[in-house]
Amino acid sequence: MFRRWIKRDDCKQKGTCFPEAPLPAMPLDHSRTPAAPTSNIPRNLGLFILRVTVGGCLLVSHGWGGGIAAWSHIWHKSAWDLPGQLAILGFPLSLPLGIALIVFALLGGLFLILGLLTRTSALALALLASITAVLFRAYPGVAETAVLYAGTCGAIFLTGPGGLSLDYWLRAATKRRKA
């Protein structure tokens, strides 16, 4: 069942050694032709879909909805929950902070969709979502949504905007102008 290993000297004496094949010579200059670059279309399309999805959710759900609630609160004196929640958490000036958060969600979502200042917007939104997840950990639905936003914005920050973005096109136009 098991093959008995024979020492090299024993097989040479008995003549049962297998002939050793010489190792192939490796060129020192490595003059092989490099492989053709793979297409970036799936990566760029995936990043575009991720940016538009996350930015659209931020813009529509949090920015636009919160903006309408803030507008109604300021001009029509209707109820708005966000400043009250911020005051309960101990934040001073909860109304201006709430308005700033809404404006940030609107602009951050818009910038993610367009791919403009993408890494900066994604980093700021990831930090904001992380802070939100920690502050609202008692509310599982809010914390879970904030963790999802933090993770996706962090991924966008690490990977960049991709080729289907204003950042990419502006960078390419700047390079052409310098050349």
Foldseek 3Di string as FASTA:
>chain_A
DDDDDDDPVVCVVVVNDDDDDDDDDDDPVPPDDDDDDDDCVVVLVVLLVLLLVLLVCLQPVQQPVLVVLLVCCVPVVDDDCQLVLCVVLPDPPSSVVSVVVNVLSNVLSVCSNQLHVLLVSLVVLLVVLVVQLVSVVVPVVSNVVSNVSNVSSVVCNVVGRHCRHPVNVVVVVVVVVVD
